[in-house]
Amino acid sequence: MICHKFTTNHITIVYGHSADIGFFLHATDERINSACDDAQEYRNFCYSIFDEGDGTYLNVHTGKDDEGKRVSLAVMKEVWKTYGVNPVAMRLLDWEDAEPRE
């Protein structure tokens, strides 16, 4: 598995590639973590965004085996670009036959 992580302000981005899930990106905002507040209504809100309640609000991948939303390689390129993935790492998306086989 290739996995990279960076944090900007309150947002943590984890992205990379693995054989099972293909290319992936997870975006987590610490401000919407259910552990940050004792109010039940707020915790319920956090869990409504993502089942873990950990602040994850975006979970995308190109493979078959993962939670979150499966997207095409073209969409993943745009997601990586939008979230500021390192341009050198972006070259991973240009591998020939990068999409997992069905």
N, C-alpha and C. Protein backbone atom coordinates (compact mmCIF):
# COMPACT_ATOMS: atom_id res chain seq x y z
N MET A 1 0.85 -1.18 0.00
CA MET A 1 0.00 0.00 0.00
C MET A 1 0.88 1.23 0.00
N ILE A 2 0.50 2.20 -0.81
CA ILE A 2 1.13 3.51 -0.82
C ILE A 2 0.15 4.46 -0.14
N CYS A 3 0.61 5.14 0.90
CA CYS A 3 -0.30 6.00 1.66
C CYS A 3 0.45 7.26 2.10
N HIS A 4 -0.17 8.40 1.86
CA HIS A 4 0.40 9.68 2.27
C HIS A 4 -0.65 10.45 3.07
N LYS A 5 -0.17 11.35 3.92
CA LYS A 5 -1.08 12.11 4.78
C LYS A 5 -0.54 13.51 4.96
N PHE A 6 -1.43 14.50 4.91
CA PHE A 6 -1.05 15.86 5.26
C PHE A 6 -2.24 16.56 5.92
N THR A 7 -1.93 17.56 6.73
CA THR A 7 -2.96 18.31 7.44
C THR A 7 -2.81 19.79 7.13
N THR A 8 -3.94 20.43 6.84
CA THR A 8 -4.00 21.86 6.62
C THR A 8 -5.10 22.40 7.51
N ASN A 9 -4.74 23.29 8.42
CA ASN A 9 -5.71 23.80 9.40
C ASN A 9 -6.38 22.64 10.12
N HIS A 10 -7.68 22.46 9.97
CA HIS A 10 -8.40 21.40 10.68
C HIS A 10 -8.64 20.17 9.81
N ILE A 11 -8.21 20.21 8.55
CA ILE A 11 -8.51 19.15 7.59
C ILE A 11 -7.29 18.24 7.41
N THR A 12 -7.52 16.93 7.53
CA THR A 12 -6.47 15.95 7.26
C THR A 12 -6.86 15.17 6.02
N ILE A 13 -5.91 15.07 5.09
CA ILE A 13 -6.11 14.34 3.84
C ILE A 13 -5.21 13.12 3.86
N VAL A 14 -5.80 11.96 3.59
CA VAL A 14 -5.05 10.71 3.45
C VAL A 14 -5.36 10.20 2.05
N TYR A 15 -4.30 9.91 1.27
CA TYR A 15 -4.51 9.46 -0.10
C TYR A 15 -3.44 8.44 -0.47
N GLY A 16 -3.71 7.68 -1.52
CA GLY A 16 -2.73 6.71 -1.96
C GLY A 16 -3.33 5.67 -2.87
N HIS A 17 -2.73 4.47 -2.81
CA HIS A 17 -3.16 3.36 -3.67
C HIS A 17 -2.90 2.05 -2.95
N SER A 18 -3.82 1.11 -3.11
CA SER A 18 -3.61 -0.26 -2.65
C SER A 18 -4.24 -1.20 -3.67
N ALA A 19 -3.82 -2.44 -3.65
CA ALA A 19 -4.33 -3.43 -4.61
C ALA A 19 -5.84 -3.62 -4.48
N ASP A 20 -6.36 -3.60 -3.27
CA ASP A 20 -7.78 -3.88 -3.04
C ASP A 20 -8.70 -2.70 -3.32
N ILE A 21 -8.31 -1.52 -2.86
CA ILE A 21 -9.22 -0.38 -2.97
C ILE A 21 -8.85 0.57 -4.10
N GLY A 22 -7.78 0.29 -4.81
CA GLY A 22 -7.36 1.18 -5.89
C GLY A 22 -6.83 2.48 -5.31
N PHE A 23 -7.00 3.54 -6.07
CA PHE A 23 -6.61 4.86 -5.59
C PHE A 23 -7.68 5.34 -4.62
N PHE A 24 -7.28 6.11 -3.61
CA PHE A 24 -8.25 6.55 -2.61
C PHE A 24 -7.88 7.92 -2.07
N LEU A 25 -8.87 8.57 -1.48
CA LEU A 25 -8.67 9.81 -0.74
C LEU A 25 -9.74 9.88 0.34
N HIS A 26 -9.30 10.19 1.56
CA HIS A 26 -10.20 10.38 2.70
C HIS A 26 -9.93 11.79 3.23
N ALA A 27 -10.97 12.56 3.43
CA ALA A 27 -10.85 13.89 4.01
C ALA A 27 -11.56 13.90 5.36
N THR A 28 -10.85 14.35 6.39
CA THR A 28 -11.38 14.37 7.75
C THR A 28 -11.22 15.77 8.32
N ASP A 29 -12.27 16.25 8.95
CA ASP A 29 -12.24 17.57 9.59
C ASP A 29 -12.40 17.35 11.09
N GLU A 30 -11.38 17.70 11.85
CA GLU A 30 -11.41 17.46 13.30
C GLU A 30 -12.55 18.20 13.99
N ARG A 31 -13.08 19.22 13.37
CA ARG A 31 -14.16 20.00 13.98
C ARG A 31 -15.49 19.26 13.97
N ILE A 32 -15.61 18.21 13.14
CA ILE A 32 -16.85 17.43 13.13
C ILE A 32 -16.62 16.02 13.65
N ASN A 33 -15.72 15.93 14.62
CA ASN A 33 -15.44 14.66 15.29
C ASN A 33 -16.38 14.54 16.48
N SER A 34 -17.07 13.42 16.58
CA SER A 34 -18.06 13.25 17.65
C SER A 34 -17.45 13.29 19.04
N ALA A 35 -16.16 13.05 19.15
CA ALA A 35 -15.50 13.07 20.46
C ALA A 35 -15.24 14.49 20.94
N CYS A 36 -15.45 15.48 20.08
CA CYS A 36 -15.13 16.86 20.42
C CYS A 36 -16.19 17.58 21.23
N ASP A 37 -17.35 16.99 21.38
CA ASP A 37 -18.44 17.69 22.06
C ASP A 37 -19.27 16.70 22.85
N ASP A 38 -19.74 17.11 24.01
CA ASP A 38 -20.56 16.23 24.85
C ASP A 38 -22.04 16.27 24.49
N ALA A 39 -22.46 17.21 23.67
CA ALA A 39 -23.88 17.34 23.34
C ALA A 39 -24.32 16.18 22.43
N GLN A 40 -25.31 15.45 22.87
CA GLN A 40 -25.79 14.28 22.12
C GLN A 40 -26.24 14.67 20.71
N GLU A 41 -26.91 15.79 20.58
CA GLU A 41 -27.39 16.21 19.26
C GLU A 41 -26.22 16.44 18.30
N TYR A 42 -25.13 17.03 18.81
CA TYR A 42 -23.95 17.25 17.97
C TYR A 42 -23.30 15.92 17.60
N ARG A 43 -23.19 15.00 18.54
CA ARG A 43 -22.62 13.67 18.23
C ARG A 43 -23.45 12.98 17.16
N ASN A 44 -24.77 13.06 17.27
CA ASN A 44 -25.64 12.47 16.26
C ASN A 44 -25.38 13.08 14.88
N PHE A 45 -25.19 14.38 14.85
CA PHE A 45 -24.87 15.07 13.60
C PHE A 45 -23.57 14.52 13.02
N CYS A 46 -22.54 14.38 13.85
CA CYS A 46 -21.24 13.86 13.37
C CYS A 46 -21.39 12.46 12.79
N TYR A 47 -22.14 11.61 13.46
CA TYR A 47 -22.36 10.25 12.96
C TYR A 47 -23.21 10.23 11.69
N SER A 48 -24.03 11.25 11.49
CA SER A 48 -24.85 11.28 10.27
C SER A 48 -24.02 11.58 9.03
N ILE A 49 -22.86 12.20 9.21
CA ILE A 49 -21.99 12.52 8.08
C ILE A 49 -21.26 11.27 7.61
N PHE A 50 -20.71 10.50 8.56
CA PHE A 50 -20.02 9.25 8.25
C PHE A 50 -20.18 8.34 9.45
N ASP A 51 -20.41 7.07 9.19
CA ASP A 51 -20.74 6.11 10.25
C ASP A 51 -19.78 6.08 11.43
N GLU A 52 -18.52 6.42 11.21
CA GLU A 52 -17.54 6.35 12.29
C GLU A 52 -17.64 7.54 13.24
N GLY A 53 -18.22 8.64 12.80
CA GLY A 53 -18.30 9.83 13.64
C GLY A 53 -16.96 10.46 13.93
N ASP A 54 -15.97 10.14 13.09
CA ASP A 54 -14.59 10.58 13.33
C ASP A 54 -14.22 11.87 12.60
N GLY A 55 -15.18 12.49 11.95
CA GLY A 55 -14.89 13.72 11.21
C GLY A 55 -14.68 13.49 9.72
N THR A 56 -14.68 12.23 9.29
CA THR A 56 -14.54 11.96 7.86
C THR A 56 -15.79 12.46 7.14
N TYR A 57 -15.57 13.24 6.10
CA TYR A 57 -16.72 13.71 5.32
C TYR A 57 -16.59 13.37 3.85
N LEU A 58 -15.44 12.85 3.44
CA LEU A 58 -15.26 12.41 2.06
C LEU A 58 -14.41 11.15 2.07
N ASN A 59 -14.89 10.11 1.41
CA ASN A 59 -14.18 8.83 1.35
C ASN A 59 -14.44 8.26 -0.05
N VAL A 60 -13.47 8.42 -0.95
CA VAL A 60 -13.64 7.95 -2.33
C VAL A 60 -12.51 7.01 -2.71
N HIS A 61 -12.81 6.09 -3.63
CA HIS A 61 -11.83 5.11 -4.08
C HIS A 61 -12.18 4.65 -5.48
N THR A 62 -11.20 4.03 -6.18
CA THR A 62 -11.45 3.53 -7.54
C THR A 62 -11.64 2.03 -7.58
N GLY A 63 -11.36 1.34 -6.49
CA GLY A 63 -11.48 -0.12 -6.46
C GLY A 63 -12.82 -0.59 -5.94
N LYS A 64 -12.91 -1.91 -5.73
CA LYS A 64 -14.17 -2.50 -5.30
C LYS A 64 -14.29 -2.63 -3.79
N ASP A 65 -13.19 -2.81 -3.08
CA ASP A 65 -13.23 -3.20 -1.67
C ASP A 65 -12.93 -2.04 -0.74
N ASP A 66 -13.94 -1.25 -0.42
CA ASP A 66 -13.78 -0.20 0.59
C ASP A 66 -15.13 0.43 0.86
N GLU A 67 -15.24 1.08 2.01
CA GLU A 67 -16.42 1.88 2.30
C GLU A 67 -16.29 3.17 1.51
N GLY A 68 -17.35 3.90 1.43
CA GLY A 68 -17.29 5.17 0.73
C GLY A 68 -17.81 5.05 -0.68
N LYS A 69 -17.47 6.02 -1.48
CA LYS A 69 -17.99 6.13 -2.84
C LYS A 69 -16.95 5.67 -3.86
N ARG A 70 -17.33 4.76 -4.74
CA ARG A 70 -16.45 4.32 -5.82
C ARG A 70 -16.58 5.31 -6.97
N VAL A 71 -15.45 5.78 -7.49
CA VAL A 71 -15.43 6.76 -8.58
C VAL A 71 -14.49 6.29 -9.68
N SER A 72 -14.61 6.91 -10.84
CA SER A 72 -13.72 6.60 -11.95
C SER A 72 -12.35 7.23 -11.71
N LEU A 73 -11.37 6.80 -12.49
CA LEU A 73 -10.03 7.36 -12.39
C LEU A 73 -10.06 8.85 -12.75
N ALA A 74 -10.86 9.23 -13.74
CA ALA A 74 -10.96 10.64 -14.13
C ALA A 74 -11.48 11.50 -12.97
N VAL A 75 -12.49 11.01 -12.27
CA VAL A 75 -13.02 11.74 -11.11
C VAL A 75 -11.97 11.80 -10.01
N MET A 76 -11.27 10.70 -9.77
CA MET A 76 -10.24 10.69 -8.72
C MET A 76 -9.15 11.72 -9.01
N LYS A 77 -8.77 11.87 -10.28
CA LYS A 77 -7.78 12.88 -10.64
C LYS A 77 -8.25 14.27 -10.21
N GLU A 78 -9.52 14.57 -10.46
CA GLU A 78 -10.07 15.87 -10.07
C GLU A 78 -10.14 16.02 -8.56
N VAL A 79 -10.52 14.96 -7.85
CA VAL A 79 -10.57 15.00 -6.39
C VAL A 79 -9.18 15.26 -5.83
N TRP A 80 -8.19 14.53 -6.31
CA TRP A 80 -6.82 14.72 -5.83
C TRP A 80 -6.36 16.16 -6.10
N LYS A 81 -6.66 16.66 -7.28
CA LYS A 81 -6.26 18.03 -7.63
C LYS A 81 -6.96 19.03 -6.70
N THR A 82 -8.25 18.84 -6.49
CA THR A 82 -9.04 19.74 -5.64
C THR A 82 -8.50 19.80 -4.22
N TYR A 83 -8.07 18.66 -3.69
CA TYR A 83 -7.60 18.59 -2.31
C TYR A 83 -6.10 18.82 -2.16
N GLY A 84 -5.42 19.21 -3.24
CA GLY A 84 -4.03 19.63 -3.15
C GLY A 84 -3.02 18.52 -2.99
N VAL A 85 -3.31 17.36 -3.58
CA VAL A 85 -2.35 16.26 -3.54
C VAL A 85 -1.09 16.69 -4.28
N ASN A 86 0.05 16.29 -3.76
CA ASN A 86 1.36 16.60 -4.33
C ASN A 86 1.39 16.26 -5.82
N PRO A 87 1.83 17.20 -6.68
CA PRO A 87 1.88 16.94 -8.12
C PRO A 87 2.70 15.71 -8.51
N VAL A 88 3.74 15.42 -7.75
CA VAL A 88 4.54 14.22 -8.04
C VAL A 88 3.70 12.97 -7.79
N ALA A 89 2.94 12.96 -6.70
CA ALA A 89 2.06 11.82 -6.40
C ALA A 89 0.95 11.70 -7.44
N MET A 90 0.52 12.83 -8.00
CA MET A 90 -0.53 12.80 -9.02
C MET A 90 -0.14 11.92 -10.21
N ARG A 91 1.16 11.77 -10.44
CA ARG A 91 1.62 10.93 -11.56
C ARG A 91 1.23 9.48 -11.37
N LEU A 92 0.97 9.06 -10.13
CA LEU A 92 0.50 7.69 -9.90
C LEU A 92 -0.77 7.41 -10.69
N LEU A 93 -1.60 8.42 -10.86
CA LEU A 93 -2.87 8.26 -11.55
C LEU A 93 -2.69 8.07 -13.05
N ASP A 94 -1.50 8.32 -13.54
CA ASP A 94 -1.24 8.17 -14.97
C ASP A 94 -0.66 6.80 -15.33
N TRP A 95 -0.55 5.91 -14.34
CA TRP A 95 -0.07 4.57 -14.65
C TRP A 95 -0.95 3.95 -15.72
N GLU A 96 -0.32 3.24 -16.63
CA GLU A 96 -1.11 2.53 -17.63
C GLU A 96 -1.91 1.44 -16.94
N ASP A 97 -3.18 1.33 -17.27
CA ASP A 97 -4.08 0.33 -16.70
C ASP A 97 -4.16 0.46 -15.18
N ALA A 98 -4.30 1.70 -14.71
CA ALA A 98 -4.32 1.95 -13.26
C ALA A 98 -5.62 1.49 -12.60
N GLU A 99 -6.70 1.42 -13.36
CA GLU A 99 -7.98 0.99 -12.77
C GLU A 99 -7.93 -0.49 -12.43
N PRO A 100 -8.45 -0.87 -11.26
CA PRO A 100 -8.52 -2.30 -10.91
C PRO A 100 -9.38 -3.06 -11.91
N ARG A 101 -9.03 -4.28 -12.17
CA ARG A 101 -9.80 -5.12 -13.10
C ARG A 101 -11.06 -5.61 -12.40
N GLU A 102 -12.12 -5.71 -13.18
CA GLU A 102 -13.40 -6.21 -12.65
C GLU A 102 -13.31 -7.70 -12.44
